[in-house]
């Protein structure tokens, strides 16, 4: 009963604001405000507000929502663990068997088969200078440049 009264008051206030907006020659905005203000009354008339009120104060409904939350939590946890492991045991065994066989097409080119020459290998990294007391040469050059 209270919910219906509140929804009716909100709709009446919205229609009043829409009328003032239309008086100011902003018809598009007034139509939009009127549309929004009719929604609460429509929800009351369709019975949605009554259903929500009955659901909100029902212990059975809240227990059902709690069970849905637990089910979702269990589902999400098992999916996360499955992804971390890499699938089920059967899927891992099937993947291991597939990896042992031929992994590329029979008519594949040599680079895709792994028989790449020196051009396909990544360039060797230059060896870093050994860290020690001689590593401050660039700092000494800066200090000499500034006369320190």
N, C-alpha and C. Protein backbone atom coordinates (compact mmCIF):
# COMPACT_ATOMS: atom_id res chain seq x y z
N UNK A 1 0.81 -1.18 0.00
CA UNK A 1 0.00 0.00 0.00
C UNK A 1 0.86 1.26 0.00
N UNK A 2 1.89 1.26 0.83
CA UNK A 2 2.76 2.43 0.88
C UNK A 2 3.55 2.56 -0.42
N UNK A 3 4.00 1.43 -0.96
CA UNK A 3 4.78 1.48 -2.20
C UNK A 3 3.96 2.05 -3.35
N UNK A 4 2.70 1.70 -3.41
CA UNK A 4 1.84 2.23 -4.47
C UNK A 4 1.65 3.74 -4.33
N UNK A 5 1.50 4.19 -3.08
CA UNK A 5 1.33 5.62 -2.83
C UNK A 5 2.58 6.40 -3.21
N UNK A 6 3.74 5.86 -2.84
CA UNK A 6 5.01 6.52 -3.17
C UNK A 6 5.21 6.57 -4.68
N UNK A 7 4.92 5.49 -5.36
CA UNK A 7 5.07 5.47 -6.82
C UNK A 7 4.12 6.46 -7.49
N UNK A 8 2.91 6.57 -6.97
CA UNK A 8 1.96 7.54 -7.54
C UNK A 8 2.44 8.97 -7.32
N UNK A 9 2.99 9.24 -6.14
CA UNK A 9 3.50 10.59 -5.84
C UNK A 9 4.69 10.93 -6.72
N UNK A 10 5.58 9.98 -6.93
CA UNK A 10 6.75 10.21 -7.79
C UNK A 10 6.29 10.49 -9.22
N UNK A 11 5.32 9.74 -9.69
CA UNK A 11 4.81 9.96 -11.05
C UNK A 11 4.14 11.32 -11.18
N UNK A 12 3.35 11.71 -10.17
CA UNK A 12 2.69 13.02 -10.22
C UNK A 12 3.73 14.15 -10.22
N UNK A 13 4.76 14.01 -9.39
CA UNK A 13 5.81 15.03 -9.37
C UNK A 13 6.54 15.10 -10.71
N UNK A 14 6.82 13.95 -11.29
CA UNK A 14 7.49 13.92 -12.60
C UNK A 14 6.65 14.56 -13.68
N UNK A 15 5.35 14.30 -13.66
CA UNK A 15 4.48 14.92 -14.66
C UNK A 15 4.39 16.43 -14.46
N UNK A 16 4.46 16.89 -13.21
CA UNK A 16 4.50 18.32 -12.94
C UNK A 16 5.76 18.95 -13.49
N UNK A 17 6.88 18.31 -13.28
CA UNK A 17 8.14 18.81 -13.82
C UNK A 17 8.10 18.82 -15.34
N UNK A 18 7.50 17.80 -15.94
CA UNK A 18 7.37 17.74 -17.39
C UNK A 18 6.52 18.89 -17.90
N UNK A 19 5.45 19.25 -17.16
CA UNK A 19 4.59 20.36 -17.57
C UNK A 19 5.35 21.68 -17.53
N UNK A 20 6.14 21.88 -16.48
CA UNK A 20 6.94 23.12 -16.38
C UNK A 20 7.97 23.16 -17.50
N UNK A 21 8.56 22.04 -17.80
CA UNK A 21 9.55 21.99 -18.88
C UNK A 21 8.90 22.28 -20.23
N UNK A 22 7.71 21.78 -20.44
CA UNK A 22 7.00 22.05 -21.70
C UNK A 22 6.61 23.52 -21.78
N UNK A 23 6.27 24.13 -20.65
CA UNK A 23 5.92 25.56 -20.63
C UNK A 23 7.12 26.41 -21.05
N UNK A 24 8.32 25.92 -20.77
CA UNK A 24 9.55 26.64 -21.15
C UNK A 24 9.98 26.33 -22.58
N UNK A 25 9.10 25.72 -23.36
CA UNK A 25 9.31 25.41 -24.79
C UNK A 25 10.43 24.38 -25.02
N UNK A 26 10.63 23.50 -24.06
CA UNK A 26 11.59 22.42 -24.23
C UNK A 26 10.80 21.12 -24.31
N UNK A 27 10.14 20.92 -25.45
CA UNK A 27 9.17 19.84 -25.62
C UNK A 27 9.82 18.46 -25.63
N UNK A 28 10.99 18.35 -26.22
CA UNK A 28 11.65 17.05 -26.27
C UNK A 28 12.03 16.59 -24.86
N UNK A 29 12.61 17.50 -24.08
CA UNK A 29 12.97 17.15 -22.71
C UNK A 29 11.71 16.87 -21.88
N UNK A 30 10.63 17.62 -22.13
CA UNK A 30 9.39 17.40 -21.39
C UNK A 30 8.81 16.03 -21.70
N UNK A 31 8.86 15.62 -22.93
CA UNK A 31 8.35 14.30 -23.31
C UNK A 31 9.17 13.20 -22.65
N UNK A 32 10.48 13.39 -22.59
CA UNK A 32 11.35 12.40 -21.97
C UNK A 32 11.07 12.31 -20.47
N UNK A 33 10.90 13.45 -19.80
CA UNK A 33 10.60 13.45 -18.37
C UNK A 33 9.24 12.80 -18.11
N UNK A 34 8.27 13.07 -18.96
CA UNK A 34 6.94 12.45 -18.80
C UNK A 34 7.02 10.94 -18.95
N UNK A 35 7.84 10.49 -19.89
CA UNK A 35 8.00 9.04 -20.08
C UNK A 35 8.60 8.39 -18.84
N UNK A 36 9.64 9.02 -18.29
CA UNK A 36 10.24 8.48 -17.07
C UNK A 36 9.28 8.52 -15.89
N UNK A 37 8.46 9.55 -15.81
CA UNK A 37 7.56 9.67 -14.67
C UNK A 37 6.39 8.70 -14.74
N UNK A 38 6.08 8.17 -15.88
CA UNK A 38 4.99 7.20 -16.01
C UNK A 38 5.42 5.77 -15.63
N UNK A 39 6.72 5.53 -15.57
CA UNK A 39 7.23 4.18 -15.27
C UNK A 39 6.78 3.68 -13.89
N UNK A 40 6.90 4.47 -12.80
CA UNK A 40 6.48 3.92 -11.50
C UNK A 40 5.01 3.52 -11.46
N UNK A 41 4.12 4.32 -12.05
CA UNK A 41 2.70 3.96 -12.06
C UNK A 41 2.48 2.70 -12.89
N UNK A 42 3.19 2.58 -13.98
CA UNK A 42 3.06 1.38 -14.81
C UNK A 42 3.52 0.14 -14.05
N UNK A 43 4.58 0.26 -13.26
CA UNK A 43 5.05 -0.88 -12.48
C UNK A 43 4.03 -1.27 -11.41
N UNK A 44 3.37 -0.29 -10.82
CA UNK A 44 2.34 -0.60 -9.83
C UNK A 44 1.17 -1.30 -10.51
N UNK A 45 0.76 -0.80 -11.66
CA UNK A 45 -0.40 -1.37 -12.33
C UNK A 45 -0.15 -2.78 -12.86
N UNK A 46 1.07 -3.09 -13.24
CA UNK A 46 1.37 -4.44 -13.73
C UNK A 46 1.58 -5.44 -12.61
N UNK A 47 1.75 -4.95 -11.37
CA UNK A 47 1.94 -5.86 -10.25
C UNK A 47 3.38 -6.12 -9.90
N UNK A 48 4.30 -5.50 -10.58
CA UNK A 48 5.72 -5.71 -10.32
C UNK A 48 6.09 -5.20 -8.93
N UNK A 49 5.55 -4.06 -8.55
CA UNK A 49 5.87 -3.48 -7.24
C UNK A 49 5.36 -4.39 -6.12
N UNK A 50 4.17 -4.94 -6.28
CA UNK A 50 3.64 -5.87 -5.28
C UNK A 50 4.48 -7.12 -5.18
N UNK A 51 4.91 -7.64 -6.33
CA UNK A 51 5.76 -8.83 -6.32
C UNK A 51 7.09 -8.54 -5.64
N UNK A 52 7.68 -7.36 -5.93
CA UNK A 52 8.95 -6.99 -5.30
C UNK A 52 8.78 -6.82 -3.80
N UNK A 53 7.68 -6.21 -3.38
CA UNK A 53 7.44 -6.03 -1.95
C UNK A 53 7.28 -7.38 -1.26
N UNK A 54 6.55 -8.29 -1.88
CA UNK A 54 6.39 -9.63 -1.30
C UNK A 54 7.72 -10.38 -1.25
N UNK A 55 8.54 -10.19 -2.27
CA UNK A 55 9.83 -10.87 -2.33
C UNK A 55 10.81 -10.27 -1.32
N UNK A 56 10.80 -8.96 -1.18
CA UNK A 56 11.76 -8.30 -0.31
C UNK A 56 11.56 -8.68 1.15
N UNK A 57 10.34 -8.98 1.56
CA UNK A 57 10.07 -9.31 2.95
C UNK A 57 9.82 -10.80 3.17
N UNK A 58 10.25 -11.62 2.25
CA UNK A 58 10.03 -13.06 2.36
C UNK A 58 11.35 -13.75 2.71
N UNK A 59 11.35 -14.50 3.81
CA UNK A 59 12.54 -15.24 4.22
C UNK A 59 12.89 -16.32 3.21
N UNK A 60 11.88 -16.94 2.63
CA UNK A 60 12.11 -17.98 1.63
C UNK A 60 12.82 -17.41 0.40
N UNK A 61 12.39 -16.22 -0.02
CA UNK A 61 13.02 -15.60 -1.19
C UNK A 61 14.49 -15.26 -0.91
N UNK A 62 14.77 -14.71 0.27
CA UNK A 62 16.15 -14.36 0.60
C UNK A 62 17.02 -15.61 0.75
N UNK A 63 16.45 -16.69 1.26
CA UNK A 63 17.19 -17.95 1.34
C UNK A 63 17.50 -18.46 -0.06
N UNK A 64 16.55 -18.30 -0.96
CA UNK A 64 16.78 -18.70 -2.35
C UNK A 64 17.88 -17.87 -2.99
N UNK A 65 17.87 -16.54 -2.74
CA UNK A 65 18.94 -15.70 -3.28
C UNK A 65 20.30 -16.09 -2.69
N UNK A 66 20.33 -16.44 -1.41
CA UNK A 66 21.59 -16.87 -0.79
C UNK A 66 22.08 -18.17 -1.42
N UNK A 67 21.16 -19.10 -1.69
CA UNK A 67 21.56 -20.35 -2.33
C UNK A 67 22.05 -20.12 -3.76
N UNK A 68 21.41 -19.19 -4.46
CA UNK A 68 21.90 -18.84 -5.80
C UNK A 68 23.31 -18.25 -5.74
N UNK A 69 23.56 -17.42 -4.75
CA UNK A 69 24.90 -16.85 -4.57
C UNK A 69 25.93 -17.93 -4.27
N UNK A 70 25.58 -18.89 -3.41
CA UNK A 70 26.49 -20.00 -3.10
C UNK A 70 26.77 -20.84 -4.34
N UNK A 71 25.74 -21.11 -5.12
CA UNK A 71 25.93 -21.89 -6.34
C UNK A 71 26.84 -21.16 -7.31
N UNK A 72 26.62 -19.85 -7.46
CA UNK A 72 27.48 -19.07 -8.36
C UNK A 72 28.91 -19.07 -7.85
N UNK A 73 29.11 -18.92 -6.55
CA UNK A 73 30.46 -18.91 -5.98
C UNK A 73 31.16 -20.25 -6.21
N UNK A 74 30.44 -21.36 -6.02
CA UNK A 74 31.03 -22.68 -6.28
C UNK A 74 31.38 -22.85 -7.75
N UNK A 75 30.50 -22.41 -8.62
CA UNK A 75 30.75 -22.52 -10.05
C UNK A 75 31.99 -21.71 -10.45
N UNK A 76 32.07 -20.46 -9.97
CA UNK A 76 33.21 -19.60 -10.32
C UNK A 76 34.51 -20.16 -9.77
N UNK A 77 34.47 -20.72 -8.56
CA UNK A 77 35.68 -21.28 -7.95
C UNK A 77 36.16 -22.50 -8.73
N UNK A 78 35.24 -23.39 -9.09
CA UNK A 78 35.67 -24.57 -9.83
C UNK A 78 36.20 -24.21 -11.21
N UNK A 79 35.60 -23.19 -11.85
CA UNK A 79 36.11 -22.76 -13.16
C UNK A 79 37.52 -22.18 -13.03
N UNK A 80 37.75 -21.40 -11.98
CA UNK A 80 39.07 -20.81 -11.79
C UNK A 80 40.12 -21.88 -11.53
N UNK A 81 39.78 -22.87 -10.70
CA UNK A 81 40.73 -23.95 -10.42
C UNK A 81 40.98 -24.77 -11.68
N UNK A 82 39.93 -25.03 -12.46
CA UNK A 82 40.09 -25.79 -13.69
C UNK A 82 40.99 -25.07 -14.68
N UNK A 83 40.84 -23.75 -14.80
CA UNK A 83 41.68 -22.99 -15.71
C UNK A 83 43.13 -22.96 -15.24
N UNK A 84 43.32 -22.87 -13.94
CA UNK A 84 44.69 -22.85 -13.42
C UNK A 84 45.39 -24.17 -13.67
N UNK A 85 44.66 -25.27 -13.53
CA UNK A 85 45.25 -26.59 -13.76
C UNK A 85 45.42 -26.90 -15.24
N UNK A 86 44.66 -26.27 -16.07
CA UNK A 86 44.76 -26.55 -17.50
C UNK A 86 43.72 -27.53 -17.97
N UNK A 87 42.60 -27.61 -17.31
CA UNK A 87 41.53 -28.49 -17.75
C UNK A 87 41.41 -29.72 -16.86
N UNK A 88 40.53 -30.62 -17.26
CA UNK A 88 40.35 -31.84 -16.50
C UNK A 88 41.48 -32.81 -16.82
N UNK A 89 41.55 -33.89 -16.07
CA UNK A 89 42.61 -34.87 -16.26
C UNK A 89 42.55 -35.49 -17.65
N UNK A 90 41.33 -35.78 -18.13
CA UNK A 90 41.19 -36.36 -19.47
C UNK A 90 41.67 -35.38 -20.53
N UNK A 91 41.36 -34.09 -20.34
CA UNK A 91 41.80 -33.09 -21.32
C UNK A 91 43.32 -32.96 -21.32
N UNK A 92 43.95 -33.01 -20.15
CA UNK A 92 45.41 -32.91 -20.09
C UNK A 92 46.07 -34.12 -20.75
N UNK A 93 45.51 -35.33 -20.52
CA UNK A 93 46.08 -36.52 -21.16
C UNK A 93 45.93 -36.47 -22.67
N UNK A 94 44.77 -36.00 -23.14
CA UNK A 94 44.55 -35.89 -24.59
C UNK A 94 45.50 -34.87 -25.19
N UNK A 95 45.75 -33.77 -24.49
CA UNK A 95 46.68 -32.76 -24.99
C UNK A 95 48.11 -33.29 -25.02
N UNK A 96 48.48 -34.11 -24.03
CA UNK A 96 49.83 -34.69 -24.02
C UNK A 96 50.00 -35.67 -25.17
N UNK A 97 48.96 -36.46 -25.45
CA UNK A 97 49.04 -37.39 -26.59
C UNK A 97 49.12 -36.64 -27.91
N UNK A 98 48.37 -35.55 -28.03
CA UNK A 98 48.38 -34.77 -29.27
C UNK A 98 49.73 -34.08 -29.46
N UNK A 99 50.36 -33.66 -28.40
CA UNK A 99 51.65 -32.98 -28.51
C UNK A 99 52.75 -33.97 -28.91
N UNK A 100 52.59 -35.23 -28.56
CA UNK A 100 53.60 -36.23 -28.90
C UNK A 100 53.60 -36.55 -30.38
N UNK A 101 52.47 -36.38 -31.04
CA UNK A 101 52.36 -36.68 -32.47
C UNK A 101 52.88 -35.52 -33.30
N UNK A 102 52.56 -35.54 -34.58
CA UNK A 102 52.99 -34.50 -35.48
C UNK A 102 52.16 -33.24 -35.23
N UNK A 103 52.83 -32.14 -34.90
CA UNK A 103 52.12 -30.93 -34.49
C UNK A 103 51.91 -29.96 -35.64
N UNK A 104 52.55 -30.19 -36.79
CA UNK A 104 52.42 -29.27 -37.92
C UNK A 104 51.91 -30.02 -39.14
N UNK A 105 51.50 -29.27 -40.10
CA UNK A 105 51.00 -29.89 -41.33
C UNK A 105 52.15 -30.59 -42.04
N UNK A 106 51.86 -31.69 -42.76
CA UNK A 106 52.92 -32.44 -43.42
C UNK A 106 53.65 -31.63 -44.49
N UNK A 107 52.98 -30.69 -45.14
CA UNK A 107 53.64 -29.93 -46.20
C UNK A 107 54.12 -28.57 -45.69
N UNK A 108 54.39 -28.46 -44.42
CA UNK A 108 54.81 -27.18 -43.86
C UNK A 108 56.23 -26.85 -44.28
N UNK A 109 56.54 -25.58 -44.28
CA UNK A 109 57.88 -25.15 -44.66
C UNK A 109 58.86 -25.43 -43.53
N UNK A 110 60.12 -25.32 -43.83
CA UNK A 110 61.17 -25.66 -42.88
C UNK A 110 61.15 -24.79 -41.62
N UNK A 111 60.93 -23.47 -41.70
CA UNK A 111 60.92 -22.70 -40.45
C UNK A 111 59.82 -23.11 -39.48
N UNK A 112 58.67 -23.54 -40.00
CA UNK A 112 57.61 -23.95 -39.08
C UNK A 112 57.89 -25.30 -38.46
N UNK A 113 58.80 -26.07 -39.07
CA UNK A 113 59.16 -27.37 -38.51
C UNK A 113 60.23 -27.25 -37.44
N UNK A 114 60.81 -26.08 -37.28
CA UNK A 114 61.82 -25.91 -36.26
C UNK A 114 63.23 -26.11 -36.80
N UNK A 115 63.40 -26.35 -38.08
CA UNK A 115 64.73 -26.53 -38.66
C UNK A 115 65.21 -25.21 -39.22
N UNK A 116 65.15 -24.20 -38.44
CA UNK A 116 65.51 -22.87 -38.90
C UNK A 116 67.02 -22.69 -38.90
N UNK A 117 67.46 -21.90 -39.84
CA UNK A 117 68.88 -21.62 -39.93
C UNK A 117 69.27 -20.51 -38.98
N UNK A 118 70.48 -19.99 -39.11
CA UNK A 118 70.95 -18.96 -38.20
C UNK A 118 70.18 -17.64 -38.37
N UNK A 119 69.54 -17.42 -39.54
CA UNK A 119 68.82 -16.17 -39.74
C UNK A 119 67.56 -16.11 -38.89
N UNK A 120 66.97 -17.26 -38.60
CA UNK A 120 65.73 -17.27 -37.84
C UNK A 120 65.97 -17.26 -36.34
N UNK A 121 67.20 -17.53 -35.92
CA UNK A 121 67.50 -17.53 -34.50
C UNK A 121 67.63 -16.11 -34.00
N UNK A 122 67.21 -15.86 -32.80
CA UNK A 122 67.36 -14.50 -32.27
C UNK A 122 68.83 -14.14 -32.09
N UNK A 123 69.13 -12.89 -32.30
CA UNK A 123 70.51 -12.44 -32.18
C UNK A 123 70.97 -12.57 -30.73
N UNK A 124 72.23 -12.91 -30.58
CA UNK A 124 72.78 -13.06 -29.25
C UNK A 124 72.87 -11.70 -28.58
N UNK A 125 72.59 -11.66 -27.31
CA UNK A 125 72.66 -10.40 -26.58
C UNK A 125 74.12 -10.01 -26.36
N UNK A 126 74.39 -8.73 -26.45
CA UNK A 126 75.76 -8.33 -26.15
C UNK A 126 76.04 -8.54 -24.66
N UNK A 127 77.25 -8.96 -24.39
CA UNK A 127 77.60 -9.24 -23.00
C UNK A 127 77.69 -7.93 -22.23
N UNK A 128 77.11 -7.96 -21.07
CA UNK A 128 77.12 -6.77 -20.23
C UNK A 128 78.50 -6.60 -19.60
N UNK A 129 78.83 -5.34 -19.31
CA UNK A 129 80.11 -5.07 -18.66
C UNK A 129 80.09 -5.67 -17.26
N UNK A 130 81.20 -6.17 -16.82
CA UNK A 130 81.22 -6.70 -15.46
C UNK A 130 81.02 -5.56 -14.47
N UNK A 131 80.20 -5.82 -13.48
CA UNK A 131 79.92 -4.79 -12.48
C UNK A 131 81.07 -4.75 -11.49
N UNK A 132 81.55 -3.59 -11.31
CA UNK A 132 82.67 -3.42 -10.38
C UNK A 132 82.93 -1.94 -10.18
N UNK A 133 84.16 -1.61 -9.82
CA UNK A 133 84.51 -0.22 -9.53
C UNK A 133 84.67 0.58 -10.82
N UNK A 134 84.90 -0.05 -11.97
CA UNK A 134 85.08 0.66 -13.23
C UNK A 134 83.75 1.07 -13.86
N UNK A 135 82.66 0.76 -13.23
CA UNK A 135 81.34 1.03 -13.77
C UNK A 135 80.97 2.51 -13.66
N UNK A 136 81.77 3.31 -12.93
CA UNK A 136 81.45 4.71 -12.69
C UNK A 136 82.13 5.64 -13.68
N UNK A 137 82.58 5.13 -14.81
CA UNK A 137 83.29 5.97 -15.77
C UNK A 137 82.38 7.04 -16.38
N UNK A 138 81.13 6.70 -16.62
CA UNK A 138 80.22 7.70 -17.19
C UNK A 138 79.89 8.79 -16.18
N UNK A 139 79.80 8.42 -14.91
CA UNK A 139 79.56 9.42 -13.88
C UNK A 139 80.76 10.34 -13.73
N UNK A 140 81.96 9.78 -13.80
CA UNK A 140 83.17 10.60 -13.71
C UNK A 140 83.25 11.58 -14.88
N UNK A 141 82.83 11.14 -16.08
CA UNK A 141 82.85 12.03 -17.24
C UNK A 141 81.90 13.19 -17.04
N UNK A 142 80.75 12.96 -16.48
CA UNK A 142 79.79 14.04 -16.24
C UNK A 142 80.34 15.01 -15.23
N UNK A 143 80.94 14.48 -14.16
CA UNK A 143 81.48 15.36 -13.13
C UNK A 143 82.64 16.20 -13.67
N UNK A 144 83.50 15.63 -14.49
CA UNK A 144 84.60 16.41 -15.10
C UNK A 144 84.07 17.48 -16.04
N UNK A 145 82.99 17.16 -16.73
CA UNK A 145 82.40 18.13 -17.66
C UNK A 145 81.90 19.36 -16.92
N UNK A 146 81.40 19.18 -15.72
CA UNK A 146 80.89 20.30 -14.93
C UNK A 146 81.96 20.89 -14.02
N UNK A 147 83.16 20.38 -14.08
CA UNK A 147 84.26 20.95 -13.31
C UNK A 147 84.27 20.54 -11.85
N UNK A 148 83.72 19.43 -11.57
CA UNK A 148 83.69 18.99 -10.18
C UNK A 148 84.75 17.91 -9.98
